[in-house]
Amino acid sequence: MPEEEWDRVLDINLKGTFLCMEYEAGAMLAGGHGGAIVNVGTVNSFLGFPTGSAYVASKHGQIGLTTSVSVCSDEASYITGTTLAPDGGFTLTI
């Protein structure tokens, strides 16, 4: 895989998630009402495939990013950093 392709995929999927979270958090703080940020990945947040190294790395990275930034508040302390697999049971069949 060319480095340019790696950079493009990570910029879209991982950096894009980071930037969205940054702007969302800023807007929530400015509004004074708090809120919750929910990031949605794909089946490839949990599973890899042979030709998808950049894509899978970016989706795994979204989980790490979300988990890391979720420890800033007690507002959602019972679900903070939780990872769900909304995949219709697909990952259970593999």
PDB file of N, CA and C in Angstrom:
ATOM      1  N   MET A   1       0.833  -1.167   0.000  1.00  0.00           N
ATOM      2  CA  MET A   1       0.000   0.000   0.000  1.00  0.00           C
ATOM      3  C   MET A   1       0.885   1.239   0.000  1.00  0.00           C
ATOM      4  N   PRO A   2       0.621   2.151  -0.898  1.00  0.00           N
ATOM      5  CA  PRO A   2       1.403   3.395  -0.907  1.00  0.00           C
ATOM      6  C   PRO A   2       1.141   4.219   0.360  1.00  0.00           C
ATOM      7  N   GLU A   3       2.171   4.890   0.832  1.00  0.00           N
ATOM      8  CA  GLU A   3       2.048   5.706   2.040  1.00  0.00           C
ATOM      9  C   GLU A   3       0.956   6.763   1.903  1.00  0.00           C
ATOM     10  N   GLU A   4       0.782   7.294   0.718  1.00  0.00           N
ATOM     11  CA  GLU A   4      -0.247   8.314   0.492  1.00  0.00           C
ATOM     12  C   GLU A   4      -1.646   7.758   0.759  1.00  0.00           C
ATOM     13  N   GLU A   5      -1.871   6.500   0.385  1.00  0.00           N
ATOM     14  CA  GLU A   5      -3.157   5.859   0.640  1.00  0.00           C
ATOM     15  C   GLU A   5      -3.364   5.639   2.142  1.00  0.00           C
ATOM     16  N   TRP A   6      -2.321   5.172   2.829  1.00  0.00           N
ATOM     17  CA  TRP A   6      -2.367   5.006   4.280  1.00  0.00           C
ATOM     18  C   TRP A   6      -2.755   6.329   4.944  1.00  0.00           C
ATOM     19  N   ASP A   7      -2.054   7.407   4.567  1.00  0.00           N
ATOM     20  CA  ASP A   7      -2.328   8.728   5.147  1.00  0.00           C
ATOM     21  C   ASP A   7      -3.755   9.184   4.864  1.00  0.00           C
ATOM     22  N   ARG A   8      -4.235   8.964   3.659  1.00  0.00           N
ATOM     23  CA  ARG A   8      -5.579   9.388   3.272  1.00  0.00           C
ATOM     24  C   ARG A   8      -6.642   8.678   4.116  1.00  0.00           C
ATOM     25  N   VAL A   9      -6.497   7.378   4.266  1.00  0.00           N
ATOM     26  CA  VAL A   9      -7.484   6.611   5.026  1.00  0.00           C
ATOM     27  C   VAL A   9      -7.464   7.013   6.498  1.00  0.00           C
ATOM     28  N   LEU A  10      -6.279   7.132   7.089  1.00  0.00           N
ATOM     29  CA  LEU A  10      -6.209   7.528   8.496  1.00  0.00           C
ATOM     30  C   LEU A  10      -6.663   8.972   8.705  1.00  0.00           C
ATOM     31  N   ASP A  11      -6.391   9.842   7.761  1.00  0.00           N
ATOM     32  CA  ASP A  11      -6.873  11.225   7.871  1.00  0.00           C
ATOM     33  C   ASP A  11      -8.399  11.284   7.874  1.00  0.00           C
ATOM     34  N   ILE A  12      -9.015  10.516   7.007  1.00  0.00           N
ATOM     35  CA  ILE A  12     -10.479  10.527   6.926  1.00  0.00           C
ATOM     36  C   ILE A  12     -11.090   9.872   8.157  1.00  0.00           C
ATOM     37  N   ASN A  13     -10.695   8.656   8.454  1.00  0.00           N
ATOM     38  CA  ASN A  13     -11.375   7.875   9.485  1.00  0.00           C
ATOM     39  C   ASN A  13     -10.953   8.198  10.907  1.00  0.00           C
ATOM     40  N   LEU A  14      -9.677   8.404  11.148  1.00  0.00           N
ATOM     41  CA  LEU A  14      -9.218   8.620  12.517  1.00  0.00           C
ATOM     42  C   LEU A  14      -9.087  10.107  12.846  1.00  0.00           C
ATOM     43  N   LYS A  15      -8.380  10.830  11.997  1.00  0.00           N
ATOM     44  CA  LYS A  15      -8.266  12.268  12.242  1.00  0.00           C
ATOM     45  C   LYS A  15      -9.631  12.940  12.122  1.00  0.00           C
ATOM     46  N   GLY A  16     -10.448  12.468  11.194  1.00  0.00           N
ATOM     47  CA  GLY A  16     -11.796  13.013  11.049  1.00  0.00           C
ATOM     48  C   GLY A  16     -12.614  12.819  12.314  1.00  0.00           C
ATOM     49  N   THR A  17     -12.505  11.656  12.935  1.00  0.00           N
ATOM     50  CA  THR A  17     -13.195  11.397  14.201  1.00  0.00           C
ATOM     51  C   THR A  17     -12.684  12.327  15.284  1.00  0.00           C
ATOM     52  N   PHE A  18     -11.377  12.483  15.360  1.00  0.00           N
ATOM     53  CA  PHE A  18     -10.777  13.384  16.343  1.00  0.00           C
ATOM     54  C   PHE A  18     -11.296  14.811  16.163  1.00  0.00           C
ATOM     55  N   LEU A  19     -11.286  15.305  14.939  1.00  0.00           N
ATOM     56  CA  LEU A  19     -11.727  16.681  14.694  1.00  0.00           C
ATOM     57  C   LEU A  19     -13.211  16.861  15.010  1.00  0.00           C
ATOM     58  N   CYS A  20     -14.026  15.888  14.654  1.00  0.00           N
ATOM     59  CA  CYS A  20     -15.451  15.962  14.991  1.00  0.00           C
ATOM     60  C   CYS A  20     -15.645  16.018  16.494  1.00  0.00           C
ATOM     61  N   MET A  21     -14.929  15.172  17.224  1.00  0.00           N
ATOM     62  CA  MET A  21     -15.042  15.156  18.680  1.00  0.00           C
ATOM     63  C   MET A  21     -14.600  16.486  19.272  1.00  0.00           C
ATOM     64  N   GLU A  22     -13.537  17.045  18.728  1.00  0.00           N
ATOM     65  CA  GLU A  22     -13.030  18.324  19.226  1.00  0.00           C
ATOM     66  C   GLU A  22     -14.076  19.428  19.066  1.00  0.00           C
ATOM     67  N   TYR A  23     -14.690  19.506  17.907  1.00  0.00           N
ATOM     68  CA  TYR A  23     -15.707  20.532  17.664  1.00  0.00           C
ATOM     69  C   TYR A  23     -16.980  20.254  18.448  1.00  0.00           C
ATOM     70  N   GLU A  24     -17.373  18.988  18.554  1.00  0.00           N
ATOM     71  CA  GLU A  24     -18.575  18.636  19.323  1.00  0.00           C
ATOM     72  C   GLU A  24     -18.401  18.996  20.790  1.00  0.00           C
ATOM     73  N   ALA A  25     -17.260  18.638  21.366  1.00  0.00           N
ATOM     74  CA  ALA A  25     -17.001  18.944  22.776  1.00  0.00           C
ATOM     75  C   ALA A  25     -16.987  20.453  23.006  1.00  0.00           C
ATOM     76  N   GLY A  26     -16.373  21.186  22.102  1.00  0.00           N
ATOM     77  CA  GLY A  26     -16.348  22.643  22.225  1.00  0.00           C
ATOM     78  C   GLY A  26     -17.743  23.239  22.202  1.00  0.00           C
ATOM     79  N   ALA A  27     -18.579  22.740  21.304  1.00  0.00           N
ATOM     80  CA  ALA A  27     -19.951  23.242  21.208  1.00  0.00           C
ATOM     81  C   ALA A  27     -20.750  22.884  22.457  1.00  0.00           C
ATOM     82  N   MET A  28     -20.555  21.682  22.975  1.00  0.00           N
ATOM     83  CA  MET A  28     -21.276  21.274  24.184  1.00  0.00           C
ATOM     84  C   MET A  28     -20.851  22.119  25.383  1.00  0.00           C
ATOM     85  N   LEU A  29     -19.553  22.376  25.508  1.00  0.00           N
ATOM     86  CA  LEU A  29     -19.074  23.203  26.610  1.00  0.00           C
ATOM     87  C   LEU A  29     -19.571  24.632  26.481  1.00  0.00           C
ATOM     88  N   ALA A  30     -19.548  25.164  25.277  1.00  0.00           N
ATOM     89  CA  ALA A  30     -20.018  26.538  25.040  1.00  0.00           C
ATOM     90  C   ALA A  30     -21.508  26.665  25.329  1.00  0.00           C
ATOM     91  N   GLY A  31     -22.260  25.618  25.045  1.00  0.00           N
ATOM     92  CA  GLY A  31     -23.695  25.637  25.288  1.00  0.00           C
ATOM     93  C   GLY A  31     -24.059  25.457  26.751  1.00  0.00           C
ATOM     94  N   GLY A  32     -23.121  24.953  27.539  1.00  0.00           N
ATOM     95  CA  GLY A  32     -23.347  24.796  28.958  1.00  0.00           C
ATOM     96  C   GLY A  32     -24.298  23.681  29.349  1.00  0.00           C
ATOM     97  N   HIS A  33     -24.667  22.833  28.421  1.00  0.00           N
ATOM     98  CA  HIS A  33     -25.626  21.783  28.724  1.00  0.00           C
ATOM     99  C   HIS A  33     -25.019  20.387  28.721  1.00  0.00           C
ATOM    100  N   GLY A  34     -23.757  20.256  28.421  1.00  0.00           N
ATOM    101  CA  GLY A  34     -23.137  18.941  28.361  1.00  0.00           C
ATOM    102  C   GLY A  34     -23.664  18.137  27.192  1.00  0.00           C
ATOM    103  N   GLY A  35     -23.614  16.859  27.318  1.00  0.00           N
ATOM    104  CA  GLY A  35     -24.088  15.998  26.243  1.00  0.00           C
ATOM    105  C   GLY A  35     -23.261  14.740  26.178  1.00  0.00           C
ATOM    106  N   ALA A  36     -23.399  14.033  25.099  1.00  0.00           N
ATOM    107  CA  ALA A  36     -22.666  12.790  24.898  1.00  0.00           C
ATOM    108  C   ALA A  36     -22.219  12.704  23.452  1.00  0.00           C
ATOM    109  N   ILE A  37     -21.044  12.188  23.257  1.00  0.00           N
ATOM    110  CA  ILE A  37     -20.529  11.952  21.917  1.00  0.00           C
ATOM    111  C   ILE A  37     -20.547  10.451  21.683  1.00  0.00           C
ATOM    112  N   VAL A  38     -21.146  10.050  20.585  1.00  0.00           N
ATOM    113  CA  VAL A  38     -21.209   8.640  20.225  1.00  0.00           C
ATOM    114  C   VAL A  38     -20.501   8.473  18.885  1.00  0.00           C
ATOM    115  N   ASN A  39     -19.445   7.677  18.862  1.00  0.00           N
ATOM    116  CA  ASN A  39     -18.728   7.381  17.629  1.00  0.00           C
ATOM    117  C   ASN A  39     -19.149   6.001  17.140  1.00  0.00           C
ATOM    118  N   VAL A  40     -19.372   5.879  15.862  1.00  0.00           N
ATOM    119  CA  VAL A  40     -19.820   4.623  15.277  1.00  0.00           C
ATOM    120  C   VAL A  40     -18.758   4.116  14.307  1.00  0.00           C
ATOM    121  N   GLY A  41     -18.344   2.899  14.493  1.00  0.00           N
ATOM    122  CA  GLY A  41     -17.368   2.278  13.607  1.00  0.00           C
ATOM    123  C   GLY A  41     -18.042   1.287  12.676  1.00  0.00           C
ATOM    124  N   THR A  42     -17.355   0.205  12.398  1.00  0.00           N
ATOM    125  CA  THR A  42     -17.862  -0.840  11.525  1.00  0.00           C
ATOM    126  C   THR A  42     -17.472  -2.187  12.115  1.00  0.00           C
ATOM    127  N   VAL A  43     -17.856  -3.243  11.455  1.00  0.00           N
ATOM    128  CA  VAL A  43     -17.413  -4.581  11.852  1.00  0.00           C
ATOM    129  C   VAL A  43     -15.890  -4.618  11.897  1.00  0.00           C
ATOM    130  N   ASN A  44     -15.253  -3.845  11.037  1.00  0.00           N
ATOM    131  CA  ASN A  44     -13.790  -3.835  10.986  1.00  0.00           C
ATOM    132  C   ASN A  44     -13.160  -3.056  12.137  1.00  0.00           C
ATOM    133  N   SER A  45     -13.990  -2.537  13.050  1.00  0.00           N
ATOM    134  CA  SER A  45     -13.459  -2.016  14.302  1.00  0.00           C
ATOM    135  C   SER A  45     -12.983  -3.169  15.177  1.00  0.00           C
ATOM    136  N   PHE A  46     -13.439  -4.378  14.854  1.00  0.00           N
ATOM    137  CA  PHE A  46     -13.124  -5.570  15.640  1.00  0.00           C
ATOM    138  C   PHE A  46     -12.404  -6.647  14.842  1.00  0.00           C
ATOM    139  N   LEU A  47     -12.620  -6.680  13.539  1.00  0.00           N
ATOM    140  CA  LEU A  47     -12.071  -7.735  12.684  1.00  0.00           C
ATOM    141  C   LEU A  47     -11.218  -7.135  11.574  1.00  0.00           C
ATOM    142  N   GLY A  48     -10.167  -7.815  11.230  1.00  0.00           N
ATOM    143  CA  GLY A  48      -9.344  -7.382  10.111  1.00  0.00           C
ATOM    144  C   GLY A  48      -9.671  -8.146   8.845  1.00  0.00           C
ATOM    145  N   PHE A  49      -9.105  -7.687   7.746  1.00  0.00           N
ATOM    146  CA  PHE A  49      -9.171  -8.431   6.489  1.00  0.00           C
ATOM    147  C   PHE A  49      -7.889  -8.155   5.729  1.00  0.00           C
ATOM    148  N   PRO A  50      -7.444  -9.097   4.898  1.00  0.00           N
ATOM    149  CA  PRO A  50      -6.090  -9.073   4.336  1.00  0.00           C
ATOM    150  C   PRO A  50      -5.683  -7.793   3.607  1.00  0.00           C
ATOM    151  N   THR A  51      -6.568  -7.164   2.895  1.00  0.00           N
ATOM    152  CA  THR A  51      -6.179  -5.981   2.118  1.00  0.00           C
ATOM    153  C   THR A  51      -6.610  -4.678   2.773  1.00  0.00           C
ATOM    154  N   GLY A  52      -7.005  -4.732   4.042  1.00  0.00           N
ATOM    155  CA  GLY A  52      -7.555  -3.544   4.674  1.00  0.00           C
ATOM    156  C   GLY A  52      -6.753  -2.995   5.825  1.00  0.00           C
ATOM    157  N   SER A  53      -5.441  -3.079   5.764  1.00  0.00           N
ATOM    158  CA  SER A  53      -4.635  -2.697   6.927  1.00  0.00           C
ATOM    159  C   SER A  53      -4.872  -1.259   7.376  1.00  0.00           C
ATOM    160  N   ALA A  54      -4.909  -0.313   6.464  1.00  0.00           N
ATOM    161  CA  ALA A  54      -5.116   1.089   6.862  1.00  0.00           C
ATOM    162  C   ALA A  54      -6.527   1.296   7.400  1.00  0.00           C
ATOM    163  N   TYR A  55      -7.506   0.733   6.726  1.00  0.00           N
ATOM    164  CA  TYR A  55      -8.893   0.882   7.149  1.00  0.00           C
ATOM    165  C   TYR A  55      -9.116   0.268   8.529  1.00  0.00           C
ATOM    166  N   VAL A  56      -8.638  -0.946   8.720  1.00  0.00           N
ATOM    167  CA  VAL A  56      -8.809  -1.633  10.002  1.00  0.00           C
ATOM    168  C   VAL A  56      -8.053  -0.892  11.098  1.00  0.00           C
ATOM    169  N   ALA A  57      -6.839  -0.444  10.818  1.00  0.00           N
ATOM    170  CA  ALA A  57      -6.075   0.316  11.814  1.00  0.00           C
ATOM    171  C   ALA A  57      -6.817   1.587  12.213  1.00  0.00           C
ATOM    172  N   SER A  58      -7.428   2.252  11.243  1.00  0.00           N
ATOM    173  CA  SER A  58      -8.155   3.483  11.558  1.00  0.00           C
ATOM    174  C   SER A  58      -9.387   3.194  12.407  1.00  0.00           C
ATOM    175  N   LYS A  59     -10.073   2.095  12.153  1.00  0.00           N
ATOM    176  CA  LYS A  59     -11.260   1.741  12.928  1.00  0.00           C
ATOM    177  C   LYS A  59     -10.892   1.253  14.326  1.00  0.00           C
ATOM    178  N   HIS A  60      -9.810   0.493  14.449  1.00  0.00           N
ATOM    179  CA  HIS A  60      -9.312   0.122  15.768  1.00  0.00           C
ATOM    180  C   HIS A  60      -8.886   1.390  16.524  1.00  0.00           C
ATOM    181  N   GLY A  61      -8.271   2.311  15.813  1.00  0.00           N
ATOM    182  CA  GLY A  61      -7.844   3.575  16.409  1.00  0.00           C
ATOM    183  C   GLY A  61      -9.002   4.399  16.935  1.00  0.00           C
ATOM    184  N   GLN A  62     -10.140   4.351  16.258  1.00  0.00           N
ATOM    185  CA  GLN A  62     -11.321   5.069  16.743  1.00  0.00           C
ATOM    186  C   GLN A  62     -11.736   4.562  18.118  1.00  0.00           C
ATOM    187  N   ILE A  63     -11.654   3.249  18.322  1.00  0.00           N
ATOM    188  CA  ILE A  63     -11.993   2.697  19.633  1.00  0.00           C
ATOM    189  C   ILE A  63     -11.027   3.228  20.689  1.00  0.00           C
ATOM    190  N   GLY A  64      -9.739   3.197  20.399  1.00  0.00           N
ATOM    191  CA  GLY A  64      -8.744   3.704  21.345  1.00  0.00           C
ATOM    192  C   GLY A  64      -8.920   5.177  21.631  1.00  0.00           C
ATOM    193  N   LEU A  65      -9.184   5.961  20.606  1.00  0.00           N
ATOM    194  CA  LEU A  65      -9.389   7.394  20.772  1.00  0.00           C
ATOM    195  C   LEU A  65     -10.610   7.662  21.643  1.00  0.00           C
ATOM    196  N   THR A  66     -11.704   7.009  21.334  1.00  0.00           N
ATOM    197  CA  THR A  66     -12.942   7.199  22.079  1.00  0.00           C
ATOM    198  C   THR A  66     -12.773   6.791  23.539  1.00  0.00           C
ATOM    199  N   THR A  67     -12.126   5.665  23.772  1.00  0.00           N
ATOM    200  CA  THR A  67     -11.891   5.195  25.133  1.00  0.00           C
ATOM    201  C   THR A  67     -11.011   6.172  25.894  1.00  0.00           C
ATOM    202  N   SER A  68      -9.984   6.680  25.259  1.00  0.00           N
ATOM    203  CA  SER A  68      -9.051   7.592  25.914  1.00  0.00           C
ATOM    204  C   SER A  68      -9.699   8.903  26.317  1.00  0.00           C
ATOM    205  N   VAL A  69     -10.465   9.488  25.434  1.00  0.00           N
ATOM    206  CA  VAL A  69     -11.059  10.793  25.760  1.00  0.00           C
ATOM    207  C   VAL A  69     -12.279  10.669  26.657  1.00  0.00           C
ATOM    208  N   SER A  70     -12.814   9.482  26.789  1.00  0.00           N
ATOM    209  CA  SER A  70     -14.032   9.316  27.583  1.00  0.00           C
ATOM    210  C   SER A  70     -13.789   9.360  29.076  1.00  0.00           C
ATOM    211  N   VAL A  71     -12.538   9.324  29.557  1.00  0.00           N
ATOM    212  CA  VAL A  71     -12.260   9.338  30.987  1.00  0.00           C
ATOM    213  C   VAL A  71     -12.264  10.749  31.567  1.00  0.00           C
ATOM    214  N   CYS A  72     -12.685  11.871  30.757  1.00  0.00           N
ATOM    215  CA  CYS A  72     -12.654  13.289  31.225  1.00  0.00           C
ATOM    216  C   CYS A  72     -13.842  13.672  32.101  1.00  0.00           C
ATOM    217  N   SER A  73     -14.882  12.829  32.256  1.00  0.00           N
ATOM    218  CA  SER A  73     -16.072  13.292  32.949  1.00  0.00           C
ATOM    219  C   SER A  73     -16.784  12.150  33.652  1.00  0.00           C
ATOM    220  N   ASP A  74     -17.563  12.446  34.759  1.00  0.00           N
ATOM    221  CA  ASP A  74     -18.406  11.477  35.456  1.00  0.00           C
ATOM    222  C   ASP A  74     -19.854  11.549  34.981  1.00  0.00           C
ATOM    223  N   GLU A  75     -20.114  12.409  34.006  1.00  0.00           N
ATOM    224  CA  GLU A  75     -21.484  12.609  33.533  1.00  0.00           C
ATOM    225  C   GLU A  75     -22.100  11.344  32.951  1.00  0.00           C
ATOM    226  N   ALA A  76     -21.296  10.497  32.358  1.00  0.00           N
ATOM    227  CA  ALA A  76     -21.804   9.246  31.798  1.00  0.00           C
ATOM    228  C   ALA A  76     -21.004   8.082  32.366  1.00  0.00           C
ATOM    229  N   SER A  77     -20.793   8.116  33.671  1.00  0.00           N
ATOM    230  CA  SER A  77     -19.858   7.183  34.293  1.00  0.00           C
ATOM    231  C   SER A  77     -20.243   5.715  34.156  1.00  0.00           C
ATOM    232  N   TYR A  78     -21.490   5.436  33.886  1.00  0.00           N
ATOM    233  CA  TYR A  78     -21.881   4.033  33.764  1.00  0.00           C
ATOM    234  C   TYR A  78     -21.681   3.486  32.360  1.00  0.00           C
ATOM    235  N   ILE A  79     -21.496   4.353  31.380  1.00  0.00           N
ATOM    236  CA  ILE A  79     -21.295   3.876  30.015  1.00  0.00           C
ATOM    237  C   ILE A  79     -20.066   4.465  29.358  1.00  0.00           C
ATOM    238  N   THR A  80     -19.271   5.173  30.086  1.00  0.00           N
ATOM    239  CA  THR A  80     -18.108   5.854  29.529  1.00  0.00           C
ATOM    240  C   THR A  80     -17.156   4.892  28.835  1.00  0.00           C
ATOM    241  N   GLY A  81     -16.872   5.180  27.569  1.00  0.00           N
ATOM    242  CA  GLY A  81     -15.899   4.403  26.811  1.00  0.00           C
ATOM    243  C   GLY A  81     -16.365   3.020  26.415  1.00  0.00           C
ATOM    244  N   THR A  82     -17.632   2.757  26.521  1.00  0.00           N
ATOM    245  CA  THR A  82     -18.155   1.443  26.177  1.00  0.00           C
ATOM    246  C   THR A  82     -18.108   1.224  24.669  1.00  0.00           C
ATOM    247  N   THR A  83     -17.706   0.039  24.273  1.00  0.00           N
ATOM    248  CA  THR A  83     -17.668  -0.321  22.867  1.00  0.00           C
ATOM    249  C   THR A  83     -18.753  -1.354  22.596  1.00  0.00           C
ATOM    250  N   LEU A  84     -19.617  -1.033  21.676  1.00  0.00           N
ATOM    251  CA  LEU A  84     -20.687  -1.941  21.272  1.00  0.00           C
ATOM    252  C   LEU A  84     -20.425  -2.425  19.854  1.00  0.00           C
ATOM    253  N   ALA A  85     -20.946  -3.593  19.534  1.00  0.00           N
ATOM    254  CA  ALA A  85     -20.801  -4.134  18.172  1.00  0.00           C
ATOM    255  C   ALA A  85     -22.195  -4.239  17.537  1.00  0.00           C
ATOM    256  N   PRO A  86     -22.681  -3.136  16.940  1.00  0.00           N
ATOM    257  CA  PRO A  86     -24.002  -3.184  16.309  1.00  0.00           C
ATOM    258  C   PRO A  86     -23.902  -3.845  14.931  1.00  0.00           C
ATOM    259  N   ASP A  87     -23.691  -5.158  14.941  1.00  0.00           N
ATOM    260  CA  ASP A  87     -23.382  -5.874  13.700  1.00  0.00           C
ATOM    261  C   ASP A  87     -24.351  -7.007  13.403  1.00  0.00           C
ATOM    262  N   GLY A  88     -25.497  -7.027  14.098  1.00  0.00           N
ATOM    263  CA  GLY A  88     -26.463  -8.085  13.869  1.00  0.00           C
ATOM    264  C   GLY A  88     -25.954  -9.472  14.206  1.00  0.00           C
ATOM    265  N   GLY A  89     -24.946  -9.557  15.057  1.00  0.00           N
ATOM    266  CA  GLY A  89     -24.382 -10.843  15.444  1.00  0.00           C
ATOM    267  C   GLY A  89     -23.292 -11.357  14.512  1.00  0.00           C
ATOM    268  N   PHE A  90     -22.892 -10.566  13.522  1.00  0.00           N
ATOM    269  CA  PHE A  90     -21.909 -11.013  12.540  1.00  0.00           C
ATOM    270  C   PHE A  90     -20.609 -11.475  13.192  1.00  0.00           C
ATOM    271  N   THR A  91     -20.089 -10.693  14.147  1.00  0.00           N
ATOM    272  CA  THR A  91     -18.802 -11.064  14.743  1.00  0.00           C
ATOM    273  C   THR A  91     -18.914 -12.305  15.628  1.00  0.00           C
ATOM    274  N   LEU A  92     -20.115 -12.678  16.011  1.00  0.00           N
ATOM    275  CA  LEU A  92     -20.292 -13.914  16.788  1.00  0.00           C
ATOM    276  C   LEU A  92     -20.214 -15.165  15.920  1.00  0.00           C
ATOM    277  N   THR A  93     -20.420 -14.992  14.611  1.00  0.00           N
ATOM    278  CA  THR A  93     -20.445 -16.148  13.726  1.00  0.00           C
ATOM    279  C   THR A  93     -19.094 -16.467  13.128  1.00  0.00           C
ATOM    280  N   ILE A  94     -18.117 -15.672  13.417  1.00  0.00           N
ATOM    281  CA  ILE A  94     -16.786 -15.870  12.819  1.00  0.00           C
ATOM    282  C   ILE A  94     -15.887 -16.642  13.752  1.00  0.00           C
TER     283      ILE A  94
END
